[in-house]
């Protein structure tokens, strides 16, 4: 529930929602990955690449 409020009141909420819709995921997952969460699937990698293209994250680390 805590992450729900963080996403809802984020300045980049619309970006997280748009990326989540494009990748068939949730805005909470996009927020989590954008703030250093661990990717566990190909879908997560797509979200990370989209976040990088939007300029939200600077690098995707391979570990």
PDB file of N, CA and C in Angstrom:
ATOM      1  N   UNK A   1       0.819  -1.194   0.000  1.00  0.00           N
ATOM      2  CA  UNK A   1       0.000   0.000   0.000  1.00  0.00           C
ATOM      3  C   UNK A   1       0.861   1.256   0.000  1.00  0.00           C
ATOM      4  N   UNK A   2       2.028   1.149   0.633  1.00  0.00           N
ATOM      5  CA  UNK A   2       2.925   2.295   0.703  1.00  0.00           C
ATOM      6  C   UNK A   2       3.381   2.728  -0.696  1.00  0.00           C
ATOM      7  N   UNK A   3       3.692   1.757  -1.564  1.00  0.00           N
ATOM      8  CA  UNK A   3       4.153   2.101  -2.909  1.00  0.00           C
ATOM      9  C   UNK A   3       3.020   2.699  -3.745  1.00  0.00           C
ATOM     10  N   UNK A   4       1.784   2.344  -3.432  1.00  0.00           N
ATOM     11  CA  UNK A   4       0.646   2.921  -4.135  1.00  0.00           C
ATOM     12  C   UNK A   4       0.639   4.439  -3.980  1.00  0.00           C
ATOM     13  N   UNK A   5       0.862   4.922  -2.789  1.00  0.00           N
ATOM     14  CA  UNK A   5       0.876   6.363  -2.547  1.00  0.00           C
ATOM     15  C   UNK A   5       2.081   7.021  -3.197  1.00  0.00           C
ATOM     16  N   UNK A   6       3.203   6.338  -3.203  1.00  0.00           N
ATOM     17  CA  UNK A   6       4.388   6.907  -3.847  1.00  0.00           C
ATOM     18  C   UNK A   6       4.170   7.090  -5.339  1.00  0.00           C
ATOM     19  N   UNK A   7       3.541   6.134  -5.981  1.00  0.00           N
ATOM     20  CA  UNK A   7       3.257   6.242  -7.407  1.00  0.00           C
ATOM     21  C   UNK A   7       2.203   7.316  -7.645  1.00  0.00           C
ATOM     22  N   UNK A   8       1.161   7.316  -6.832  1.00  0.00           N
ATOM     23  CA  UNK A   8       0.050   8.235  -7.031  1.00  0.00           C
ATOM     24  C   UNK A   8       0.477   9.696  -6.922  1.00  0.00           C
ATOM     25  N   UNK A   9       1.394  10.003  -6.004  1.00  0.00           N
ATOM     26  CA  UNK A   9       1.816  11.379  -5.800  1.00  0.00           C
ATOM     27  C   UNK A   9       3.151  11.714  -6.477  1.00  0.00           C
ATOM     28  N   UNK A  10       3.627  10.835  -7.326  1.00  0.00           N
ATOM     29  CA  UNK A  10       4.878  11.065  -8.038  1.00  0.00           C
ATOM     30  C   UNK A  10       4.694  12.118  -9.131  1.00  0.00           C
ATOM     31  N   UNK A  11       5.735  12.897  -9.368  1.00  0.00           N
ATOM     32  CA  UNK A  11       5.700  13.876 -10.455  1.00  0.00           C
ATOM     33  C   UNK A  11       5.641  13.189 -11.807  1.00  0.00           C
ATOM     34  N   UNK A  12       6.152  11.981 -11.894  1.00  0.00           N
ATOM     35  CA  UNK A  12       6.239  11.252 -13.163  1.00  0.00           C
ATOM     36  C   UNK A  12       5.155  10.188 -13.289  1.00  0.00           C
ATOM     37  N   UNK A  13       4.074  10.356 -12.570  1.00  0.00           N
ATOM     38  CA  UNK A  13       3.001   9.356 -12.558  1.00  0.00           C
ATOM     39  C   UNK A  13       2.507   9.047 -13.965  1.00  0.00           C
ATOM     40  N   UNK A  14       2.304  10.059 -14.783  1.00  0.00           N
ATOM     41  CA  UNK A  14       1.783   9.828 -16.137  1.00  0.00           C
ATOM     42  C   UNK A  14       2.762   9.013 -16.982  1.00  0.00           C
ATOM     43  N   UNK A  15       4.051   9.218 -16.779  1.00  0.00           N
ATOM     44  CA  UNK A  15       5.056   8.441 -17.513  1.00  0.00           C
ATOM     45  C   UNK A  15       5.019   6.981 -17.082  1.00  0.00           C
ATOM     46  N   UNK A  16       4.932   6.735 -15.770  1.00  0.00           N
ATOM     47  CA  UNK A  16       4.858   5.353 -15.274  1.00  0.00           C
ATOM     48  C   UNK A  16       3.619   4.651 -15.812  1.00  0.00           C
ATOM     49  N   UNK A  17       2.503   5.352 -15.851  1.00  0.00           N
ATOM     50  CA  UNK A  17       1.263   4.752 -16.349  1.00  0.00           C
ATOM     51  C   UNK A  17       1.377   4.449 -17.835  1.00  0.00           C
ATOM     52  N   UNK A  18       1.929   5.370 -18.616  1.00  0.00           N
ATOM     53  CA  UNK A  18       2.061   5.168 -20.054  1.00  0.00           C
ATOM     54  C   UNK A  18       2.982   3.989 -20.363  1.00  0.00           C
ATOM     55  N   UNK A  19       4.124   3.934 -19.681  1.00  0.00           N
ATOM     56  CA  UNK A  19       5.068   2.837 -19.909  1.00  0.00           C
ATOM     57  C   UNK A  19       4.457   1.504 -19.494  1.00  0.00           C
ATOM     58  N   UNK A  20       3.748   1.493 -18.381  1.00  0.00           N
ATOM     59  CA  UNK A  20       3.106   0.259 -17.922  1.00  0.00           C
ATOM     60  C   UNK A  20       2.073  -0.238 -18.929  1.00  0.00           C
ATOM     61  N   UNK A  21       1.309   0.663 -19.513  1.00  0.00           N
ATOM     62  CA  UNK A  21       0.320   0.258 -20.516  1.00  0.00           C
ATOM     63  C   UNK A  21       0.998  -0.288 -21.763  1.00  0.00           C
ATOM     64  N   UNK A  22       2.083   0.330 -22.178  1.00  0.00           N
ATOM     65  CA  UNK A  22       2.799  -0.134 -23.374  1.00  0.00           C
ATOM     66  C   UNK A  22       3.368  -1.531 -23.156  1.00  0.00           C
ATOM     67  N   UNK A  23       3.839  -1.800 -21.955  1.00  0.00           N
ATOM     68  CA  UNK A  23       4.500  -3.080 -21.659  1.00  0.00           C
ATOM     69  C   UNK A  23       3.570  -4.089 -20.997  1.00  0.00           C
ATOM     70  N   UNK A  24       2.285  -3.790 -20.909  1.00  0.00           N
ATOM     71  CA  UNK A  24       1.293  -4.688 -20.295  1.00  0.00           C
ATOM     72  C   UNK A  24       1.678  -5.056 -18.865  1.00  0.00           C
ATOM     73  N   UNK A  25       1.943  -4.047 -18.076  1.00  0.00           N
ATOM     74  CA  UNK A  25       2.328  -4.229 -16.692  1.00  0.00           C
ATOM     75  C   UNK A  25       1.560  -3.228 -15.829  1.00  0.00           C
ATOM     76  N   UNK A  26       2.022  -3.030 -14.595  1.00  0.00           N
ATOM     77  CA  UNK A  26       1.371  -2.082 -13.703  1.00  0.00           C
ATOM     78  C   UNK A  26       2.273  -0.873 -13.472  1.00  0.00           C
ATOM     79  N   UNK A  27       1.686   0.275 -13.163  1.00  0.00           N
ATOM     80  CA  UNK A  27       2.502   1.450 -12.852  1.00  0.00           C
ATOM     81  C   UNK A  27       3.393   1.232 -11.632  1.00  0.00           C
ATOM     82  N   UNK A  28       2.950   0.402 -10.700  1.00  0.00           N
ATOM     83  CA  UNK A  28       3.743   0.133  -9.506  1.00  0.00           C
ATOM     84  C   UNK A  28       5.022  -0.612  -9.876  1.00  0.00           C
ATOM     85  N   UNK A  29       4.922  -1.512 -10.845  1.00  0.00           N
ATOM     86  CA  UNK A  29       6.112  -2.244 -11.294  1.00  0.00           C
ATOM     87  C   UNK A  29       7.086  -1.300 -11.989  1.00  0.00           C
ATOM     88  N   UNK A  30       6.564  -0.398 -12.812  1.00  0.00           N
ATOM     89  CA  UNK A  30       7.418   0.572 -13.493  1.00  0.00           C
ATOM     90  C   UNK A  30       8.101   1.484 -12.476  1.00  0.00           C
ATOM     91  N   UNK A  31       7.364   1.909 -11.463  1.00  0.00           N
ATOM     92  CA  UNK A  31       7.930   2.757 -10.404  1.00  0.00           C
ATOM     93  C   UNK A  31       9.030   2.000  -9.659  1.00  0.00           C
ATOM     94  N   UNK A  32       8.748   0.758  -9.307  1.00  0.00           N
ATOM     95  CA  UNK A  32       9.704  -0.073  -8.565  1.00  0.00           C
ATOM     96  C   UNK A  32      11.003  -0.239  -9.356  1.00  0.00           C
ATOM     97  N   UNK A  33      10.898  -0.545 -10.626  1.00  0.00           N
ATOM     98  CA  UNK A  33      12.087  -0.730 -11.458  1.00  0.00           C
ATOM     99  C   UNK A  33      12.829   0.583 -11.668  1.00  0.00           C
ATOM    100  N   UNK A  34      12.094   1.668 -11.772  1.00  0.00           N
ATOM    101  CA  UNK A  34      12.716   2.975 -11.943  1.00  0.00           C
ATOM    102  C   UNK A  34      13.468   3.461 -10.729  1.00  0.00           C
ATOM    103  N   UNK A  35      13.174   2.868  -9.576  1.00  0.00           N
ATOM    104  CA  UNK A  35      13.845   3.255  -8.347  1.00  0.00           C
ATOM    105  C   UNK A  35      14.787   2.168  -7.835  1.00  0.00           C
ATOM    106  N   UNK A  36      15.333   1.385  -8.763  1.00  0.00           N
ATOM    107  CA  UNK A  36      16.381   0.437  -8.397  1.00  0.00           C
ATOM    108  C   UNK A  36      15.929  -0.970  -8.124  1.00  0.00           C
ATOM    109  N   UNK A  37      14.700  -1.310  -8.473  1.00  0.00           N
ATOM    110  CA  UNK A  37      14.217  -2.665  -8.252  1.00  0.00           C
ATOM    111  C   UNK A  37      14.893  -3.662  -9.172  1.00  0.00           C
ATOM    112  N   UNK A  38      14.818  -4.925  -8.805  1.00  0.00           N
ATOM    113  CA  UNK A  38      15.462  -5.992  -9.568  1.00  0.00           C
ATOM    114  C   UNK A  38      14.516  -6.489 -10.651  1.00  0.00           C
ATOM    115  N   UNK A  39      15.011  -6.567 -11.885  1.00  0.00           N
ATOM    116  CA  UNK A  39      14.200  -7.094 -12.985  1.00  0.00           C
ATOM    117  C   UNK A  39      14.251  -8.615 -12.957  1.00  0.00           C
ATOM    118  N   UNK A  40      13.104  -9.226 -13.214  1.00  0.00           N
ATOM    119  CA  UNK A  40      13.017 -10.671 -13.139  1.00  0.00           C
ATOM    120  C   UNK A  40      12.522 -11.318 -14.439  1.00  0.00           C
ATOM    121  N   UNK A  41      12.176 -10.501 -15.431  1.00  0.00           N
ATOM    122  CA  UNK A  41      11.647 -11.077 -16.660  1.00  0.00           C
ATOM    123  C   UNK A  41      11.995 -10.194 -17.857  1.00  0.00           C
ATOM    124  N   UNK A  42      11.650 -10.687 -19.033  1.00  0.00           N
ATOM    125  CA  UNK A  42      11.862  -9.927 -20.264  1.00  0.00           C
ATOM    126  C   UNK A  42      10.996  -8.669 -20.253  1.00  0.00           C
ATOM    127  N   UNK A  43       9.797  -8.775 -19.705  1.00  0.00           N
ATOM    128  CA  UNK A  43       8.903  -7.619 -19.614  1.00  0.00           C
ATOM    129  C   UNK A  43       9.535  -6.510 -18.773  1.00  0.00           C
ATOM    130  N   UNK A  44      10.204  -6.888 -17.700  1.00  0.00           N
ATOM    131  CA  UNK A  44      10.878  -5.904 -16.849  1.00  0.00           C
ATOM    132  C   UNK A  44      12.013  -5.210 -17.596  1.00  0.00           C
ATOM    133  N   UNK A  45      12.720  -5.944 -18.427  1.00  0.00           N
ATOM    134  CA  UNK A  45      13.796  -5.350 -19.232  1.00  0.00           C
ATOM    135  C   UNK A  45      13.214  -4.328 -20.205  1.00  0.00           C
ATOM    136  N   UNK A  46      12.053  -4.636 -20.801  1.00  0.00           N
ATOM    137  CA  UNK A  46      11.393  -3.686 -21.702  1.00  0.00           C
ATOM    138  C   UNK A  46      11.005  -2.411 -20.950  1.00  0.00           C
ATOM    139  N   UNK A  47      10.520  -2.567 -19.737  1.00  0.00           N
ATOM    140  CA  UNK A  47      10.157  -1.409 -18.922  1.00  0.00           C
ATOM    141  C   UNK A  47      11.396  -0.574 -18.619  1.00  0.00           C
ATOM    142  N   UNK A  48      12.492  -1.236 -18.268  1.00  0.00           N
ATOM    143  CA  UNK A  48      13.731  -0.515 -17.979  1.00  0.00           C
ATOM    144  C   UNK A  48      14.236   0.253 -19.199  1.00  0.00           C
ATOM    145  N   UNK A  49      14.150  -0.355 -20.375  1.00  0.00           N
ATOM    146  CA  UNK A  49      14.582   0.333 -21.593  1.00  0.00           C
ATOM    147  C   UNK A  49      13.701   1.543 -21.882  1.00  0.00           C
ATOM    148  N   UNK A  50      12.408   1.408 -21.654  1.00  0.00           N
ATOM    149  CA  UNK A  50      11.499   2.541 -21.861  1.00  0.00           C
ATOM    150  C   UNK A  50      11.785   3.654 -20.852  1.00  0.00           C
ATOM    151  N   UNK A  51      12.070   3.290 -19.612  1.00  0.00           N
ATOM    152  CA  UNK A  51      12.414   4.295 -18.598  1.00  0.00           C
ATOM    153  C   UNK A  51      13.710   5.014 -18.964  1.00  0.00           C
ATOM    154  N   UNK A  52      14.642   4.283 -19.532  1.00  0.00           N
ATOM    155  CA  UNK A  52      15.904   4.883 -19.945  1.00  0.00           C
ATOM    156  C   UNK A  52      15.695   5.838 -21.121  1.00  0.00           C
ATOM    157  N   UNK A  53      14.834   5.478 -22.051  1.00  0.00           N
ATOM    158  CA  UNK A  53      14.544   6.348 -23.192  1.00  0.00           C
ATOM    159  C   UNK A  53      13.849   7.634 -22.747  1.00  0.00           C
ATOM    160  N   UNK A  54      13.043   7.546 -21.701  1.00  0.00           N
ATOM    161  CA  UNK A  54      12.347   8.723 -21.174  1.00  0.00           C
ATOM    162  C   UNK A  54      13.258   9.596 -20.317  1.00  0.00           C
ATOM    163  N   UNK A  55      14.432   9.090 -19.974  1.00  0.00           N
ATOM    164  CA  UNK A  55      15.372   9.858 -19.175  1.00  0.00           C
ATOM    165  C   UNK A  55      15.149   9.752 -17.678  1.00  0.00           C
ATOM    166  N   UNK A  56      14.366   8.788 -17.253  1.00  0.00           N
ATOM    167  CA  UNK A  56      14.111   8.608 -15.822  1.00  0.00           C
ATOM    168  C   UNK A  56      15.281   7.905 -15.158  1.00  0.00           C
ATOM    169  N   UNK A  57      15.844   6.928 -15.847  1.00  0.00           N
ATOM    170  CA  UNK A  57      17.045   6.265 -15.345  1.00  0.00           C
ATOM    171  C   UNK A  57      18.175   6.502 -16.341  1.00  0.00           C
ATOM    172  N   UNK A  58      19.388   6.477 -15.830  1.00  0.00           N
ATOM    173  CA  UNK A  58      20.516   6.754 -16.714  1.00  0.00           C
ATOM    174  C   UNK A  58      21.162   5.488 -17.269  1.00  0.00           C
ATOM    175  N   UNK A  59      21.129   4.409 -16.499  1.00  0.00           N
ATOM    176  CA  UNK A  59      21.809   3.187 -16.894  1.00  0.00           C
ATOM    177  C   UNK A  59      21.057   1.960 -16.466  1.00  0.00           C
ATOM    178  N   UNK A  60      21.205   0.898 -17.232  1.00  0.00           N
ATOM    179  CA  UNK A  60      20.662  -0.406 -16.848  1.00  0.00           C
ATOM    180  C   UNK A  60      21.857  -1.279 -16.493  1.00  0.00           C
ATOM    181  N   UNK A  61      21.944  -1.662 -15.241  1.00  0.00           N
ATOM    182  CA  UNK A  61      23.068  -2.476 -14.788  1.00  0.00           C
ATOM    183  C   UNK A  61      22.782  -3.951 -15.047  1.00  0.00           C
ATOM    184  N   UNK A  62      23.793  -4.703 -15.477  1.00  0.00           N
ATOM    185  CA  UNK A  62      23.586  -6.104 -15.835  1.00  0.00           C
ATOM    186  C   UNK A  62      23.475  -7.071 -14.645  1.00  0.00           C
ATOM    187  N   UNK A  63      23.609  -6.617 -13.443  1.00  0.00           N
ATOM    188  CA  UNK A  63      23.513  -7.533 -12.312  1.00  0.00           C
ATOM    189  C   UNK A  63      22.268  -7.362 -11.525  1.00  0.00           C
TER     190      UNK A  63
END
